[in-house]
Amino acid sequence: MRPLSPVLKEKKRYLAFRVESEKRISYRDAFLAVDNNLMEFAGIIGSAEAGLMALPKSWNMKEQKGIIRVSRKSLNKLRASLLFIRNINGGRARVFSVGASGILKKAREKWIGA
């Protein structure tokens, strides 16, 4: 079986985000909040089309910054859904989009500082 040609592969973007909260948040909790909120905002089909993928190694616990992989077509939906996050794990929290990139290495260097 031949691998997919690059033309047929789904294009992706890496969205860097920052969490402001009363207490420290783990990447798992932050990602679950983003995923659940996208599901509410865009619905089941929109969430499936977004193809969110967690990148836990990109999480900076000290600065509460991380990266999520998302499809190119759903990037704006994800950014919009971040506005509606008000709490994570019962504590008040806000999530901000820091920037987006097509290359993971550039997103880490530019926005996460790793």
N, C-alpha and C. Protein backbone atom coordinates (compact mmCIF):
# COMPACT_ATOMS: atom_id res chain seq x y z
N MET A 1 0.83 -1.17 0.00
CA MET A 1 0.00 0.00 0.00
C MET A 1 0.89 1.25 0.00
N ARG A 2 0.60 2.17 -0.90
CA ARG A 2 1.41 3.38 -1.02
C ARG A 2 0.97 4.44 0.00
N PRO A 3 1.91 5.22 0.51
CA PRO A 3 1.53 6.30 1.43
C PRO A 3 0.80 7.43 0.70
N LEU A 4 0.04 8.23 1.45
CA LEU A 4 -0.67 9.35 0.85
C LEU A 4 0.30 10.39 0.31
N SER A 5 -0.04 10.95 -0.83
CA SER A 5 0.79 12.03 -1.36
C SER A 5 0.52 13.29 -0.53
N PRO A 6 1.45 14.22 -0.50
CA PRO A 6 1.28 15.43 0.30
C PRO A 6 0.04 16.24 -0.07
N VAL A 7 -0.40 16.16 -1.30
CA VAL A 7 -1.59 16.90 -1.74
C VAL A 7 -2.84 16.39 -1.03
N LEU A 8 -2.90 15.12 -0.70
CA LEU A 8 -4.07 14.53 -0.08
C LEU A 8 -4.08 14.64 1.44
N LYS A 9 -2.95 15.00 2.04
CA LYS A 9 -2.88 15.10 3.50
C LYS A 9 -3.55 16.38 3.97
N GLU A 10 -4.15 16.30 5.14
CA GLU A 10 -4.79 17.46 5.74
C GLU A 10 -3.73 18.42 6.26
N LYS A 11 -3.87 19.70 5.94
CA LYS A 11 -2.92 20.69 6.41
C LYS A 11 -3.22 21.03 7.87
N LYS A 12 -2.18 21.28 8.63
CA LYS A 12 -2.35 21.52 10.06
C LYS A 12 -1.69 22.83 10.47
N ARG A 13 -2.13 23.33 11.61
CA ARG A 13 -1.54 24.51 12.22
C ARG A 13 -1.31 24.20 13.69
N TYR A 14 -0.35 24.90 14.26
CA TYR A 14 -0.04 24.75 15.67
C TYR A 14 -0.43 26.05 16.36
N LEU A 15 -1.37 25.97 17.29
CA LEU A 15 -1.86 27.15 18.00
C LEU A 15 -1.24 27.19 19.39
N ALA A 16 -0.50 28.26 19.65
CA ALA A 16 0.06 28.46 20.98
C ALA A 16 -0.98 29.19 21.82
N PHE A 17 -1.15 28.74 23.06
CA PHE A 17 -2.13 29.36 23.94
C PHE A 17 -1.55 29.55 25.33
N ARG A 18 -2.16 30.47 26.07
CA ARG A 18 -1.72 30.80 27.42
C ARG A 18 -2.92 30.75 28.35
N VAL A 19 -2.72 30.20 29.55
CA VAL A 19 -3.79 30.08 30.54
C VAL A 19 -3.49 31.03 31.70
N GLU A 20 -4.46 31.84 32.05
CA GLU A 20 -4.38 32.66 33.26
C GLU A 20 -5.38 32.07 34.24
N SER A 21 -4.89 31.66 35.42
CA SER A 21 -5.78 31.03 36.39
C SER A 21 -5.32 31.32 37.81
N GLU A 22 -6.19 30.99 38.75
CA GLU A 22 -5.88 31.19 40.16
C GLU A 22 -4.86 30.17 40.66
N LYS A 23 -4.86 28.99 40.08
CA LYS A 23 -3.94 27.94 40.50
C LYS A 23 -3.26 27.33 39.28
N ARG A 24 -2.25 26.53 39.51
CA ARG A 24 -1.53 25.86 38.42
C ARG A 24 -2.45 24.84 37.74
N ILE A 25 -2.39 24.82 36.43
CA ILE A 25 -3.21 23.91 35.63
C ILE A 25 -2.29 22.95 34.89
N SER A 26 -2.65 21.68 34.87
CA SER A 26 -1.88 20.71 34.10
C SER A 26 -2.29 20.80 32.63
N TYR A 27 -1.43 20.30 31.74
CA TYR A 27 -1.73 20.36 30.32
C TYR A 27 -2.98 19.54 30.02
N ARG A 28 -3.12 18.42 30.68
CA ARG A 28 -4.29 17.55 30.44
C ARG A 28 -5.59 18.30 30.74
N ASP A 29 -5.63 19.01 31.87
CA ASP A 29 -6.83 19.76 32.23
C ASP A 29 -7.10 20.90 31.25
N ALA A 30 -6.04 21.58 30.84
CA ALA A 30 -6.19 22.68 29.89
C ALA A 30 -6.70 22.16 28.54
N PHE A 31 -6.11 21.05 28.08
CA PHE A 31 -6.53 20.50 26.79
C PHE A 31 -7.98 20.01 26.84
N LEU A 32 -8.37 19.35 27.93
CA LEU A 32 -9.75 18.88 28.06
C LEU A 32 -10.73 20.05 28.07
N ALA A 33 -10.36 21.14 28.72
CA ALA A 33 -11.24 22.32 28.73
C ALA A 33 -11.38 22.90 27.33
N VAL A 34 -10.28 22.98 26.59
CA VAL A 34 -10.32 23.50 25.23
C VAL A 34 -11.14 22.57 24.33
N ASP A 35 -10.92 21.28 24.46
CA ASP A 35 -11.64 20.30 23.63
C ASP A 35 -13.13 20.34 23.91
N ASN A 36 -13.52 20.35 25.19
CA ASN A 36 -14.94 20.38 25.54
C ASN A 36 -15.60 21.67 25.09
N ASN A 37 -14.88 22.77 25.21
CA ASN A 37 -15.45 24.05 24.80
C ASN A 37 -15.61 24.13 23.28
N LEU A 38 -14.66 23.57 22.54
CA LEU A 38 -14.79 23.53 21.08
C LEU A 38 -16.00 22.68 20.69
N MET A 39 -16.21 21.59 21.42
CA MET A 39 -17.37 20.72 21.15
C MET A 39 -18.67 21.50 21.35
N GLU A 40 -18.75 22.30 22.41
CA GLU A 40 -19.95 23.11 22.64
C GLU A 40 -20.11 24.19 21.58
N PHE A 41 -19.00 24.81 21.19
CA PHE A 41 -19.04 25.94 20.26
C PHE A 41 -19.32 25.49 18.83
N ALA A 42 -18.60 24.48 18.35
CA ALA A 42 -18.69 24.08 16.95
C ALA A 42 -19.54 22.83 16.74
N GLY A 43 -19.92 22.15 17.79
CA GLY A 43 -20.69 20.92 17.66
C GLY A 43 -19.79 19.72 17.45
N ILE A 44 -20.40 18.57 17.36
CA ILE A 44 -19.66 17.32 17.22
C ILE A 44 -18.93 17.26 15.88
N ILE A 45 -19.60 17.64 14.82
CA ILE A 45 -18.99 17.57 13.49
C ILE A 45 -17.85 18.59 13.37
N GLY A 46 -18.08 19.79 13.86
CA GLY A 46 -17.03 20.81 13.82
C GLY A 46 -15.81 20.43 14.63
N SER A 47 -16.05 19.80 15.76
CA SER A 47 -14.95 19.34 16.61
C SER A 47 -14.18 18.20 15.93
N ALA A 48 -14.89 17.33 15.26
CA ALA A 48 -14.24 16.23 14.55
C ALA A 48 -13.41 16.75 13.38
N GLU A 49 -13.94 17.74 12.67
CA GLU A 49 -13.21 18.32 11.54
C GLU A 49 -11.95 19.05 12.00
N ALA A 50 -11.98 19.60 13.21
CA ALA A 50 -10.82 20.33 13.73
C ALA A 50 -9.64 19.41 13.95
N GLY A 51 -9.90 18.16 14.32
CA GLY A 51 -8.82 17.19 14.52
C GLY A 51 -7.81 17.64 15.56
N LEU A 52 -8.30 18.10 16.70
CA LEU A 52 -7.40 18.56 17.76
C LEU A 52 -6.47 17.43 18.18
N MET A 53 -5.22 17.79 18.41
CA MET A 53 -4.26 16.82 18.91
C MET A 53 -3.46 17.49 20.03
N ALA A 54 -3.38 16.81 21.15
CA ALA A 54 -2.63 17.33 22.30
C ALA A 54 -1.14 17.14 22.07
N LEU A 55 -0.37 18.14 22.47
CA LEU A 55 1.09 18.07 22.42
C LEU A 55 1.63 18.36 23.83
N PRO A 56 1.54 17.38 24.75
CA PRO A 56 1.89 17.63 26.14
C PRO A 56 3.35 18.01 26.37
N LYS A 57 4.24 17.62 25.49
CA LYS A 57 5.66 17.97 25.67
C LYS A 57 5.90 19.46 25.44
N SER A 58 4.94 20.14 24.86
CA SER A 58 5.10 21.57 24.60
C SER A 58 4.62 22.42 25.77
N TRP A 59 4.11 21.83 26.84
CA TRP A 59 3.53 22.58 27.95
C TRP A 59 4.63 23.18 28.83
N ASN A 60 4.55 24.48 29.05
CA ASN A 60 5.44 25.19 29.95
C ASN A 60 4.67 25.45 31.23
N MET A 61 4.91 24.65 32.26
CA MET A 61 4.13 24.71 33.49
C MET A 61 4.32 26.04 34.22
N LYS A 62 5.53 26.58 34.16
CA LYS A 62 5.83 27.83 34.87
C LYS A 62 5.03 29.00 34.29
N GLU A 63 5.02 29.12 32.97
CA GLU A 63 4.33 30.23 32.32
C GLU A 63 2.91 29.88 31.88
N GLN A 64 2.49 28.63 32.08
CA GLN A 64 1.15 28.16 31.71
C GLN A 64 0.88 28.38 30.22
N LYS A 65 1.83 27.97 29.39
CA LYS A 65 1.69 28.07 27.94
C LYS A 65 1.81 26.69 27.31
N GLY A 66 1.11 26.50 26.20
CA GLY A 66 1.16 25.22 25.52
C GLY A 66 0.80 25.36 24.05
N ILE A 67 0.83 24.23 23.35
CA ILE A 67 0.54 24.20 21.91
C ILE A 67 -0.46 23.09 21.64
N ILE A 68 -1.40 23.38 20.73
CA ILE A 68 -2.37 22.40 20.27
C ILE A 68 -2.30 22.34 18.75
N ARG A 69 -2.35 21.13 18.20
CA ARG A 69 -2.40 20.98 16.75
C ARG A 69 -3.85 20.96 16.30
N VAL A 70 -4.14 21.69 15.22
CA VAL A 70 -5.51 21.81 14.72
C VAL A 70 -5.45 21.89 13.20
N SER A 71 -6.55 21.53 12.53
CA SER A 71 -6.57 21.63 11.08
C SER A 71 -6.62 23.09 10.66
N ARG A 72 -6.13 23.37 9.49
CA ARG A 72 -6.05 24.73 8.97
C ARG A 72 -7.42 25.37 8.86
N LYS A 73 -8.41 24.60 8.46
CA LYS A 73 -9.76 25.13 8.25
C LYS A 73 -10.46 25.48 9.56
N SER A 74 -10.06 24.85 10.65
CA SER A 74 -10.75 25.04 11.93
C SER A 74 -10.00 25.95 12.90
N LEU A 75 -8.94 26.57 12.45
CA LEU A 75 -8.14 27.41 13.35
C LEU A 75 -8.96 28.56 13.93
N ASN A 76 -9.74 29.24 13.11
CA ASN A 76 -10.52 30.37 13.62
C ASN A 76 -11.63 29.92 14.57
N LYS A 77 -12.21 28.75 14.32
CA LYS A 77 -13.22 28.22 15.25
C LYS A 77 -12.61 27.96 16.62
N LEU A 78 -11.41 27.41 16.62
CA LEU A 78 -10.72 27.12 17.88
C LEU A 78 -10.40 28.41 18.62
N ARG A 79 -9.89 29.40 17.90
CA ARG A 79 -9.59 30.69 18.53
C ARG A 79 -10.85 31.31 19.15
N ALA A 80 -11.95 31.23 18.43
CA ALA A 80 -13.20 31.80 18.94
C ALA A 80 -13.69 31.03 20.17
N SER A 81 -13.53 29.72 20.17
CA SER A 81 -14.03 28.93 21.30
C SER A 81 -13.21 29.18 22.57
N LEU A 82 -11.94 29.60 22.42
CA LEU A 82 -11.11 29.88 23.60
C LEU A 82 -11.67 31.04 24.41
N LEU A 83 -12.37 31.95 23.75
CA LEU A 83 -12.94 33.12 24.44
C LEU A 83 -13.97 32.74 25.49
N PHE A 84 -14.61 31.60 25.33
CA PHE A 84 -15.72 31.23 26.20
C PHE A 84 -15.30 30.37 27.39
N ILE A 85 -14.04 30.06 27.52
CA ILE A 85 -13.57 29.28 28.67
C ILE A 85 -13.48 30.21 29.87
N ARG A 86 -14.21 29.87 30.93
CA ARG A 86 -14.23 30.70 32.13
C ARG A 86 -13.70 29.97 33.36
N ASN A 87 -13.72 28.64 33.35
CA ASN A 87 -13.15 27.92 34.48
C ASN A 87 -12.57 26.59 34.02
N ILE A 88 -11.54 26.18 34.74
CA ILE A 88 -10.89 24.90 34.48
C ILE A 88 -10.74 24.20 35.83
N ASN A 89 -11.28 23.01 35.94
CA ASN A 89 -11.24 22.23 37.19
C ASN A 89 -11.85 22.99 38.37
N GLY A 90 -12.92 23.70 38.13
CA GLY A 90 -13.61 24.39 39.20
C GLY A 90 -13.00 25.72 39.60
N GLY A 91 -11.82 26.04 39.09
CA GLY A 91 -11.19 27.33 39.39
C GLY A 91 -11.35 28.28 38.22
N ARG A 92 -11.42 29.57 38.54
CA ARG A 92 -11.57 30.56 37.47
C ARG A 92 -10.32 30.58 36.61
N ALA A 93 -10.53 30.63 35.30
CA ALA A 93 -9.40 30.63 34.36
C ALA A 93 -9.83 31.25 33.05
N ARG A 94 -8.86 31.81 32.34
CA ARG A 94 -9.08 32.32 30.99
C ARG A 94 -7.99 31.77 30.10
N VAL A 95 -8.34 31.53 28.84
CA VAL A 95 -7.38 30.98 27.88
C VAL A 95 -7.27 31.96 26.73
N PHE A 96 -6.03 32.30 26.37
CA PHE A 96 -5.77 33.25 25.31
C PHE A 96 -4.97 32.59 24.19
N SER A 97 -5.27 32.95 22.96
CA SER A 97 -4.49 32.52 21.82
C SER A 97 -3.27 33.43 21.72
N VAL A 98 -2.08 32.84 21.68
CA VAL A 98 -0.85 33.62 21.60
C VAL A 98 -0.44 33.79 20.15
N GLY A 99 -0.55 32.73 19.34
CA GLY A 99 -0.18 32.80 17.94
C GLY A 99 -0.32 31.45 17.28
N ALA A 100 -0.23 31.45 15.96
CA ALA A 100 -0.35 30.20 15.20
C ALA A 100 0.79 30.09 14.21
N SER A 101 1.17 28.87 13.92
CA SER A 101 2.26 28.62 12.98
C SER A 101 2.00 27.31 12.26
N GLY A 102 2.59 27.15 11.11
CA GLY A 102 2.48 25.91 10.35
C GLY A 102 3.58 24.92 10.71
N ILE A 103 4.56 25.38 11.50
CA ILE A 103 5.70 24.54 11.87
C ILE A 103 5.82 24.50 13.39
N LEU A 104 5.88 23.32 13.94
CA LEU A 104 5.92 23.14 15.39
C LEU A 104 7.17 23.80 16.00
N LYS A 105 8.30 23.63 15.37
CA LYS A 105 9.54 24.19 15.90
C LYS A 105 9.46 25.70 16.02
N LYS A 106 8.90 26.35 15.02
CA LYS A 106 8.78 27.81 15.04
C LYS A 106 7.80 28.25 16.13
N ALA A 107 6.71 27.51 16.30
CA ALA A 107 5.75 27.85 17.35
C ALA A 107 6.39 27.74 18.72
N ARG A 108 7.19 26.71 18.95
CA ARG A 108 7.85 26.55 20.24
C ARG A 108 8.84 27.69 20.50
N GLU A 109 9.66 28.00 19.48
CA GLU A 109 10.68 29.03 19.66
C GLU A 109 10.05 30.41 19.86
N LYS A 110 9.05 30.73 19.08
CA LYS A 110 8.49 32.07 19.05
C LYS A 110 7.58 32.37 20.23
N TRP A 111 6.74 31.42 20.63
CA TRP A 111 5.71 31.72 21.62
C TRP A 111 5.86 31.00 22.94
N ILE A 112 6.44 29.83 22.95
CA ILE A 112 6.53 29.07 24.20
C ILE A 112 7.86 29.33 24.88
N GLY A 113 8.88 29.53 24.11
CA GLY A 113 10.20 29.78 24.69
C GLY A 113 10.94 28.52 25.06
N ALA A 114 10.60 27.42 24.40
CA ALA A 114 11.27 26.15 24.72
C ALA A 114 12.36 25.83 23.73
